[in-house]
C-alpha atoms as a PDB file:
ATOM      1  CA  UNK A   1     185.532-179.066 102.948  1.00  0.00           C
ATOM      2  CA  UNK A   2     185.072-180.436  99.599  1.00  0.00           C
ATOM      3  CA  UNK A   3     185.527-177.396  97.672  1.00  0.00           C
ATOM      4  CA  UNK A   4     182.070-177.484  96.251  1.00  0.00           C
ATOM      5  CA  UNK A   5     179.709-174.705  96.701  1.00  0.00           C
ATOM      6  CA  UNK A   6     177.207-175.071  99.038  1.00  0.00           C
ATOM      7  CA  UNK A   7     173.542-174.624  98.139  1.00  0.00           C
ATOM      8  CA  UNK A   8     171.120-173.090 100.487  1.00  0.00           C
ATOM      9  CA  UNK A   9     167.399-173.576 100.281  1.00  0.00           C
ATOM     10  CA  UNK A  10     165.766-170.300  99.008  1.00  0.00           C
ATOM     11  CA  UNK A  11     164.547-168.044 101.793  1.00  0.00           C
ATOM     12  CA  UNK A  12     161.041-168.572 102.683  1.00  0.00           C
ATOM     13  CA  UNK A  13     160.118-164.872 102.555  1.00  0.00           C
ATOM     14  CA  UNK A  14     161.753-162.630 100.234  1.00  0.00           C
ATOM     15  CA  UNK A  15     162.146-158.965 100.764  1.00  0.00           C
ATOM     16  CA  UNK A  16     159.546-158.082  97.995  1.00  0.00           C
ATOM     17  CA  UNK A  17     156.519-159.849  99.549  1.00  0.00           C
ATOM     18  CA  UNK A  18     156.141-157.439 102.621  1.00  0.00           C
ATOM     19  CA  UNK A  19     156.238-154.619 100.167  1.00  0.00           C
ATOM     20  CA  UNK A  20     153.329-156.122  98.013  1.00  0.00           C
ATOM     21  CA  UNK A  21     151.476-156.889 101.279  1.00  0.00           C
ATOM     22  CA  UNK A  22     151.912-153.143 102.326  1.00  0.00           C
ATOM     23  CA  UNK A  23     150.743-151.689  98.916  1.00  0.00           C
ATOM     24  CA  UNK A  24     147.990-154.090  98.926  1.00  0.00           C
ATOM     25  CA  UNK A  25     146.898-152.937 102.499  1.00  0.00           C
ATOM     26  CA  UNK A  26     147.235-149.269 101.617  1.00  0.00           C
ATOM     27  CA  UNK A  27     145.051-149.828  98.552  1.00  0.00           C
ATOM     28  CA  UNK A  28     142.574-151.473 100.625  1.00  0.00           C
ATOM     29  CA  UNK A  29     142.459-148.730 103.116  1.00  0.00           C
ATOM     30  CA  UNK A  30     142.016-146.204 100.496  1.00  0.00           C
ATOM     31  CA  UNK A  31     139.251-148.087  98.741  1.00  0.00           C
ATOM     32  CA  UNK A  32     137.457-148.349 102.260  1.00  0.00           C
ATOM     33  CA  UNK A  33     137.733-144.793 102.925  1.00  0.00           C
ATOM     34  CA  UNK A  34     136.444-143.890  99.682  1.00  0.00           C
ATOM     35  CA  UNK A  35     133.568-145.980 100.135  1.00  0.00           C
ATOM     36  CA  UNK A  36     132.851-144.599 103.509  1.00  0.00           C
ATOM     37  CA  UNK A  37     133.293-141.016 102.320  1.00  0.00           C
ATOM     38  CA  UNK A  38     130.778-141.520  99.459  1.00  0.00           C
ATOM     39  CA  UNK A  39     128.185-142.887 102.120  1.00  0.00           C
ATOM     40  CA  UNK A  40     128.674-139.762 104.134  1.00  0.00           C
ATOM     41  CA  UNK A  41     128.016-137.605 101.106  1.00  0.00           C
ATOM     42  CA  UNK A  42     124.977-139.349  99.933  1.00  0.00           C
ATOM     43  CA  UNK A  43     121.690-138.006 101.130  1.00  0.00           C
ATOM     44  CA  UNK A  44     120.056-140.087 103.761  1.00  0.00           C
ATOM     45  CA  UNK A  45     116.575-139.976 102.593  1.00  0.00           C
ATOM     46  CA  UNK A  46     116.313-141.010  98.916  1.00  0.00           C
ATOM     47  CA  UNK A  47     112.464-141.177  98.822  1.00  0.00           C
ATOM     48  CA  UNK A  48     111.836-137.484  98.180  1.00  0.00           C
ATOM     49  CA  UNK A  49     114.822-136.328  96.424  1.00  0.00           C
ATOM     50  CA  UNK A  50     115.198-132.707  96.504  1.00  0.00           C
ATOM     51  CA  UNK A  51     111.791-132.112  97.999  1.00  0.00           C
ATOM     52  CA  UNK A  52     111.313-130.485 101.301  1.00  0.00           C
ATOM     53  CA  UNK A  53     108.654-131.758 103.733  1.00  0.00           C
ATOM     54  CA  UNK A  54     105.945-129.153 104.825  1.00  0.00           C
ATOM     55  CA  UNK A  55     104.993-131.020 107.872  1.00  0.00           C
ATOM     56  CA  UNK A  56     107.079-132.488 110.635  1.00  0.00           C
ATOM     57  CA  UNK A  57     107.557-136.287 110.656  1.00  0.00           C
ATOM     58  CA  UNK A  58     103.750-137.629 110.712  1.00  0.00           C
ATOM     59  CA  UNK A  59     104.908-140.877 112.505  1.00  0.00           C
ATOM     60  CA  UNK A  60     105.443-138.877 115.647  1.00  0.00           C
ATOM     61  CA  UNK A  61     102.067-137.050 115.501  1.00  0.00           C
ATOM     62  CA  UNK A  62      98.595-137.748 116.138  1.00  0.00           C
ATOM     63  CA  UNK A  63      96.520-138.003 112.826  1.00  0.00           C
ATOM     64  CA  UNK A  64      94.519-134.942 112.120  1.00  0.00           C
ATOM     65  CA  UNK A  65      91.361-135.273 110.342  1.00  0.00           C
ATOM     66  CA  UNK A  66      90.137-132.969 107.764  1.00  0.00           C
ATOM     67  CA  UNK A  67      86.653-132.450 105.933  1.00  0.00           C
ATOM     68  CA  UNK A  68      86.232-132.131 102.188  1.00  0.00           C
ATOM     69  CA  UNK A  69      85.242-128.373 102.995  1.00  0.00           C
ATOM     70  CA  UNK A  70      88.461-127.972 104.780  1.00  0.00           C
ATOM     71  CA  UNK A  71      90.579-129.443 101.902  1.00  0.00           C
ATOM     72  CA  UNK A  72      88.498-127.284  99.192  1.00  0.00           C
ATOM     73  CA  UNK A  73      89.872-124.268 100.718  1.00  0.00           C
ATOM     74  CA  UNK A  74      93.480-125.004  99.624  1.00  0.00           C
ATOM     75  CA  UNK A  75      92.782-124.942  95.892  1.00  0.00           C
ATOM     76  CA  UNK A  76      95.614-122.719  94.433  1.00  0.00           C
ATOM     77  CA  UNK A  77      99.045-122.713  93.407  1.00  0.00           C
ATOM     78  CA  UNK A  78     100.383-121.214  96.521  1.00  0.00           C
ATOM     79  CA  UNK A  79      98.231-123.495  98.806  1.00  0.00           C
ATOM     80  CA  UNK A  80      97.442-126.839  97.342  1.00  0.00           C
ATOM     81  CA  UNK A  81      96.033-129.804  99.215  1.00  0.00           C
ATOM     82  CA  UNK A  82      94.860-132.887  97.556  1.00  0.00           C
ATOM     83  CA  UNK A  83      92.996-136.087  98.740  1.00  0.00           C
ATOM     84  CA  UNK A  84      94.377-139.420  97.671  1.00  0.00           C
ATOM     85  CA  UNK A  85      92.548-142.554  98.812  1.00  0.00           C
ATOM     86  CA  UNK A  86      91.084-140.721 101.814  1.00  0.00           C
ATOM     87  CA  UNK A  87      94.400-139.198 102.890  1.00  0.00           C
ATOM     88  CA  UNK A  88      95.111-135.518 102.659  1.00  0.00           C
ATOM     89  CA  UNK A  89      98.295-134.253 101.319  1.00  0.00           C
ATOM     90  CA  UNK A  90      99.780-130.821 101.392  1.00  0.00           C
ATOM     91  CA  UNK A  91     101.679-130.673  98.160  1.00  0.00           C
ATOM     92  CA  UNK A  92     102.185-126.895  97.900  1.00  0.00           C
ATOM     93  CA  UNK A  93     105.994-127.281  98.053  1.00  0.00           C
ATOM     94  CA  UNK A  94     105.834-129.513  95.238  1.00  0.00           C
ATOM     95  CA  UNK A  95     103.806-127.739  92.753  1.00  0.00           C
ATOM     96  CA  UNK A  96     106.547-126.025  91.045  1.00  0.00           C
ATOM     97  CA  UNK A  97     108.548-129.081  90.727  1.00  0.00           C
ATOM     98  CA  UNK A  98     105.837-131.325  89.360  1.00  0.00           C
ATOM     99  CA  UNK A  99     106.939-132.960  86.171  1.00  0.00           C
ATOM    100  CA  UNK A 100     103.518-132.946  84.700  1.00  0.00           C
ATOM    101  CA  UNK A 101     103.399-128.983  85.130  1.00  0.00           C
ATOM    102  CA  UNK A 102     100.087-127.471  86.257  1.00  0.00           C
ATOM    103  CA  UNK A 103      98.246-131.011  85.792  1.00  0.00           C
ATOM    104  CA  UNK A 104      98.791-131.306  89.620  1.00  0.00           C
ATOM    105  CA  UNK A 105      96.433-128.278  90.026  1.00  0.00           C
ATOM    106  CA  UNK A 106      93.727-129.999  88.135  1.00  0.00           C
ATOM    107  CA  UNK A 107      92.168-131.455  91.484  1.00  0.00           C
ATOM    108  CA  UNK A 108      93.672-128.834  93.985  1.00  0.00           C
ATOM    109  CA  UNK A 109      91.560-128.923  96.982  1.00  0.00           C
ATOM    110  CA  UNK A 110      89.774-131.856  95.823  1.00  0.00           C
ATOM    111  CA  UNK A 111      90.064-135.633  95.472  1.00  0.00           C
ATOM    112  CA  UNK A 112      93.063-136.598  93.036  1.00  0.00           C
ATOM    113  CA  UNK A 113      92.950-140.172  93.492  1.00  0.00           C
ATOM    114  CA  UNK A 114      92.171-141.262  90.019  1.00  0.00           C
ATOM    115  CA  UNK A 115      94.765-138.937  88.481  1.00  0.00           C
ATOM    116  CA  UNK A 116      97.408-139.893  91.105  1.00  0.00           C
ATOM    117  CA  UNK A 117      97.091-143.582  90.038  1.00  0.00           C
ATOM    118  CA  UNK A 118      97.466-142.557  86.275  1.00  0.00           C
ATOM    119  CA  UNK A 119     100.002-144.438  84.044  1.00  0.00           C
ATOM    120  CA  UNK A 120     101.992-141.113  83.948  1.00  0.00           C
ATOM    121  CA  UNK A 121     103.397-141.592  87.159  1.00  0.00           C
ATOM    122  CA  UNK A 122     106.575-143.565  87.896  1.00  0.00           C
ATOM    123  CA  UNK A 123     106.260-145.936  90.999  1.00  0.00           C
ATOM    124  CA  UNK A 124     108.556-143.665  92.980  1.00  0.00           C
ATOM    125  CA  UNK A 125     105.811-141.047  93.406  1.00  0.00           C
ATOM    126  CA  UNK A 126     103.944-143.654  95.688  1.00  0.00           C
ATOM    127  CA  UNK A 127     106.825-143.422  98.124  1.00  0.00           C
ATOM    128  CA  UNK A 128     107.329-139.584  97.758  1.00  0.00           C
ATOM    129  CA  UNK A 129     103.763-138.799  98.341  1.00  0.00           C
ATOM    130  CA  UNK A 130     104.047-139.959 102.186  1.00  0.00           C
ATOM    131  CA  UNK A 131     106.338-136.927 102.619  1.00  0.00           C
ATOM    132  CA  UNK A 132     103.539-134.770 102.215  1.00  0.00           C
ATOM    133  CA  UNK A 133     100.840-136.446 104.209  1.00  0.00           C
ATOM    134  CA  UNK A 134      99.052-134.146 106.672  1.00  0.00           C
ATOM    135  CA  UNK A 135      96.106-136.102 108.010  1.00  0.00           C
ATOM    136  CA  UNK A 136      92.880-138.383 107.110  1.00  0.00           C
ATOM    137  CA  UNK A 137      89.759-137.127 105.235  1.00  0.00           C
ATOM    138  CA  UNK A 138      86.886-137.285 107.941  1.00  0.00           C
ATOM    139  CA  UNK A 139      84.261-139.802 106.677  1.00  0.00           C
END
């Protein structure tokens, strides 16, 4: 022994690295759980917001046809059907929520195609209206 102090190479893994890894792993798990929790809390159907469908899912039904006379009977605030591009929609549950107020009643029981496609409507109404579809206009 020469009396000189031996120098050893520094350890490859320090005791602090596993702690850093554990903290990072815990943070990653918390973030993932937060994202998953948020996804569970978000509504699954964004198309219609808070609106309720009046009819059951139209994709599982045979499409019903209505005459203009049938539609004309539903021409008031508490019973409001409209025709848009030869399709019939029961918008009764939406009348009170309509941002344009009573403008939706202007063509209650009648063809509302022109008013529906006016510049006042945001593009989301084109998706929303499908929730109210009840059938086709008989030609």
